N, C-alpha and C. Protein backbone atom coordinates (compact mmCIF):
# COMPACT_ATOMS: atom_id res chain seq x y z
N UNK A 1 -41.44 -5.61 -28.92
CA UNK A 1 -41.03 -7.06 -29.07
C UNK A 1 -40.02 -7.18 -29.28
N UNK A 2 -39.39 -6.52 -30.40
CA UNK A 2 -38.12 -6.43 -31.30
C UNK A 2 -37.44 -5.98 -30.24
N UNK A 3 -37.51 -5.09 -29.91
CA UNK A 3 -36.31 -4.19 -28.74
C UNK A 3 -35.90 -5.31 -27.83
N UNK A 4 -36.70 -5.85 -27.10
CA UNK A 4 -36.51 -6.82 -26.21
C UNK A 4 -35.49 -7.91 -26.78
N UNK A 5 -35.84 -8.41 -28.04
CA UNK A 5 -35.12 -9.61 -28.85
C UNK A 5 -34.03 -9.19 -28.76
N UNK A 6 -33.50 -7.75 -29.67
CA UNK A 6 -32.02 -7.34 -29.90
C UNK A 6 -31.51 -6.92 -28.31
N UNK A 7 -31.92 -6.30 -27.69
CA UNK A 7 -31.07 -6.03 -26.03
C UNK A 7 -31.14 -7.60 -25.72
N UNK A 8 -31.58 -8.22 -25.60
CA UNK A 8 -31.23 -9.85 -25.22
C UNK A 8 -30.18 -10.00 -25.70
N UNK A 9 -30.27 -9.96 -27.24
CA UNK A 9 -28.80 -10.38 -28.08
C UNK A 9 -28.01 -9.67 -27.86
N UNK A 10 -27.89 -8.51 -27.64
CA UNK A 10 -26.82 -7.45 -27.12
C UNK A 10 -26.44 -8.26 -26.07
N UNK A 11 -27.22 -8.53 -24.93
CA UNK A 11 -26.43 -8.70 -23.50
C UNK A 11 -25.64 -10.17 -23.42
N UNK A 12 -26.40 -11.03 -24.56
CA UNK A 12 -25.45 -12.33 -24.76
C UNK A 12 -23.99 -12.06 -25.21
N UNK A 13 -24.11 -11.30 -26.37
CA UNK A 13 -22.95 -11.22 -26.91
C UNK A 13 -22.12 -10.27 -26.15
N UNK A 14 -22.32 -8.96 -25.28
CA UNK A 14 -21.66 -8.61 -24.12
C UNK A 14 -20.81 -9.82 -23.19
N UNK A 15 -21.67 -10.95 -22.58
CA UNK A 15 -21.63 -11.72 -22.19
C UNK A 15 -20.57 -12.50 -22.21
N UNK A 16 -20.35 -12.88 -23.67
CA UNK A 16 -19.76 -13.94 -24.24
C UNK A 16 -18.07 -13.24 -24.55
N UNK A 17 -18.31 -11.96 -24.88
CA UNK A 17 -17.13 -11.14 -25.15
C UNK A 17 -16.52 -11.21 -23.60
N UNK A 18 -17.13 -10.71 -22.17
CA UNK A 18 -16.37 -11.04 -20.94
C UNK A 18 -15.86 -12.26 -20.69
N UNK A 19 -16.70 -13.04 -20.94
CA UNK A 19 -16.06 -14.38 -20.54
C UNK A 19 -14.87 -15.14 -21.17
N UNK A 20 -14.78 -14.29 -22.79
CA UNK A 20 -13.63 -14.81 -23.03
C UNK A 20 -12.38 -14.22 -23.00
N UNK A 21 -12.93 -12.74 -22.45
CA UNK A 21 -11.61 -12.22 -21.93
C UNK A 21 -11.13 -12.41 -20.77
N UNK A 22 -11.82 -13.15 -19.80
CA UNK A 22 -11.64 -14.15 -18.35
C UNK A 22 -10.91 -14.87 -18.21
N UNK A 23 -11.44 -15.73 -19.78
CA UNK A 23 -10.81 -17.10 -19.95
C UNK A 23 -9.05 -16.75 -20.21
N UNK A 24 -9.07 -15.62 -21.60
CA UNK A 24 -8.13 -15.56 -22.07
C UNK A 24 -6.57 -15.42 -21.08
N UNK A 25 -7.38 -14.21 -20.01
CA UNK A 25 -6.22 -14.13 -18.86
C UNK A 25 -6.38 -15.39 -17.47
N UNK A 26 -6.77 -16.09 -17.82
CA UNK A 26 -6.86 -17.20 -17.28
C UNK A 26 -5.75 -18.36 -17.42
N UNK A 27 -6.18 -18.46 -18.96
CA UNK A 27 -5.24 -19.27 -19.66
C UNK A 27 -3.59 -18.73 -19.57
N UNK A 28 -3.65 -17.25 -20.27
CA UNK A 28 -2.37 -17.04 -19.85
C UNK A 28 -1.60 -16.97 -18.65
N UNK A 29 -2.16 -16.70 -17.69
CA UNK A 29 -1.45 -16.47 -16.31
C UNK A 29 -1.16 -18.25 -16.01
N UNK A 30 -2.21 -19.24 -16.02
CA UNK A 30 -1.84 -20.81 -15.74
C UNK A 30 -0.90 -20.96 -17.17
N UNK A 31 -1.03 -20.62 -18.06
CA UNK A 31 0.45 -20.81 -19.06
C UNK A 31 2.00 -20.63 -18.69
N UNK A 32 1.68 -19.26 -18.21
CA UNK A 32 2.80 -19.11 -17.44
C UNK A 32 3.70 -19.44 -16.29
N UNK A 33 2.21 -20.15 -15.59
CA UNK A 33 3.08 -20.94 -14.35
C UNK A 33 3.38 -22.42 -14.48
N UNK A 34 2.41 -22.29 -15.69
CA UNK A 34 3.02 -24.19 -16.05
C UNK A 34 4.37 -24.08 -16.82
N UNK A 35 4.71 -23.29 -17.15
CA UNK A 35 5.98 -23.39 -18.23
C UNK A 35 7.28 -22.80 -17.21
N UNK A 36 6.54 -22.63 -16.33
CA UNK A 36 7.87 -21.92 -14.70
C UNK A 36 8.15 -23.12 -14.24
N UNK A 37 7.23 -23.99 -14.11
CA UNK A 37 7.94 -25.26 -13.16
C UNK A 37 8.78 -26.20 -14.12
N UNK A 38 9.17 -26.86 -12.67
CA UNK A 38 10.41 -27.92 -13.12
C UNK A 38 9.68 -28.68 -14.08
N UNK A 39 10.73 -29.56 -14.54
CA UNK A 39 10.41 -30.77 -15.28
C UNK A 39 9.92 -32.21 -14.19
N UNK A 40 10.45 -32.16 -13.35
CA UNK A 40 9.86 -32.88 -12.70
C UNK A 40 8.49 -33.14 -11.92
N UNK A 41 8.27 -31.49 -12.28
CA UNK A 41 6.84 -31.47 -11.50
C UNK A 41 5.37 -31.51 -12.29
N UNK A 42 5.68 -30.70 -13.77
CA UNK A 42 4.67 -31.22 -14.81
C UNK A 42 6.11 -31.90 -15.65
N UNK A 43 5.02 -33.12 -15.94
CA UNK A 43 6.21 -33.23 -17.32
C UNK A 43 5.97 -33.00 -18.76
N UNK A 44 6.68 -32.74 -19.50
CA UNK A 44 7.04 -32.39 -20.84
C UNK A 44 5.72 -32.91 -21.61
N UNK A 45 4.68 -34.06 -21.69
CA UNK A 45 3.89 -34.29 -22.72
C UNK A 45 2.66 -33.32 -21.91
N UNK A 46 2.35 -33.10 -20.57
CA UNK A 46 1.19 -32.24 -20.52
C UNK A 46 1.83 -30.68 -20.64
N UNK A 47 2.51 -30.30 -20.78
CA UNK A 47 3.38 -28.92 -21.30
C UNK A 47 2.97 -28.90 -22.81
N UNK A 48 2.94 -29.88 -23.47
CA UNK A 48 2.93 -29.43 -24.75
C UNK A 48 1.30 -29.86 -25.34
N UNK A 49 0.49 -30.55 -24.25
CA UNK A 49 -0.97 -30.58 -24.57
C UNK A 49 -1.53 -29.37 -24.30
N UNK A 50 -0.91 -28.89 -22.74
CA UNK A 50 -1.59 -27.72 -22.69
C UNK A 50 -1.50 -26.46 -24.00
N UNK A 51 -0.02 -26.52 -24.37
CA UNK A 51 0.14 -25.46 -25.22
C UNK A 51 -0.78 -25.67 -26.34
N UNK A 52 -0.53 -26.78 -27.12
CA UNK A 52 -1.77 -27.23 -28.11
C UNK A 52 -3.16 -26.82 -27.96
N UNK A 53 -3.67 -26.98 -26.47
CA UNK A 53 -5.02 -26.61 -26.36
C UNK A 53 -5.40 -24.96 -26.33
N UNK A 54 -4.17 -24.31 -25.99
CA UNK A 54 -4.35 -22.86 -25.85
C UNK A 54 -4.21 -22.15 -27.28
N UNK A 55 -2.94 -23.60 -28.46
CA UNK A 55 -3.02 -22.38 -29.37
C UNK A 55 -4.38 -22.66 -30.28
N UNK A 56 -5.04 -23.91 -30.02
CA UNK A 56 -6.36 -24.23 -30.62
C UNK A 56 -7.33 -23.47 -30.52
N UNK A 57 -7.52 -22.83 -28.80
CA UNK A 57 -8.42 -21.80 -28.44
C UNK A 57 -7.79 -20.15 -29.04
N UNK A 58 -6.78 -20.05 -28.92
CA UNK A 58 -6.36 -18.79 -30.06
C UNK A 58 -6.93 -18.56 -31.18
N UNK A 59 -6.57 -19.81 -32.01
CA UNK A 59 -6.71 -19.84 -33.41
C UNK A 59 -8.66 -19.51 -33.36
N UNK A 60 -9.16 -20.48 -32.79
CA UNK A 60 -10.76 -20.15 -32.52
C UNK A 60 -11.24 -18.86 -32.39
N UNK A 61 -10.40 -18.06 -31.53
CA UNK A 61 -10.67 -16.54 -31.13
C UNK A 61 -10.63 -16.04 -32.03
N UNK A 62 -9.73 -16.04 -32.86
CA UNK A 62 -9.43 -15.29 -34.20
C UNK A 62 -10.20 -15.55 -35.01
N UNK A 63 -10.64 -16.83 -35.24
CA UNK A 63 -11.65 -16.95 -36.38
C UNK A 63 -12.90 -16.44 -35.80
N UNK A 64 -13.16 -16.62 -34.42
CA UNK A 64 -14.67 -15.84 -34.31
C UNK A 64 -14.82 -14.51 -34.14
N UNK A 65 -13.69 -13.86 -34.13
CA UNK A 65 -13.51 -12.15 -33.86
C UNK A 65 -13.89 -11.81 -35.60
N UNK A 66 -12.87 -12.75 -36.18
CA UNK A 66 -13.10 -12.05 -37.63
C UNK A 66 -14.28 -12.34 -38.66
N UNK A 67 -14.79 -13.29 -38.12
CA UNK A 67 -16.20 -13.45 -38.97
C UNK A 67 -17.35 -12.22 -38.05
N UNK A 68 -17.27 -11.97 -36.91
CA UNK A 68 -18.11 -10.84 -36.13
C UNK A 68 -17.74 -9.52 -37.01
N UNK A 69 -16.46 -9.13 -37.46
CA UNK A 69 -16.05 -8.20 -38.08
C UNK A 69 -16.64 -7.83 -39.58
N UNK A 70 -17.24 -8.70 -39.90
CA UNK A 70 -17.66 -8.93 -41.10
C UNK A 70 -19.02 -8.32 -41.25
């Protein structure tokens, strides 16, 4: 029984890591596209809000990774 639980936890950890990597790649690509657009296409407040969201996401990722390494 213990092995099945440990295997399940390992799978979930791997899944979250993969999800984090895919989400990070998506956000980086989307950020490049948003910042490359002209001002009249995407307003400055939208760009600032997106960058704030990306910054928060990055800070959260760093925090979670540092806790995992302990």
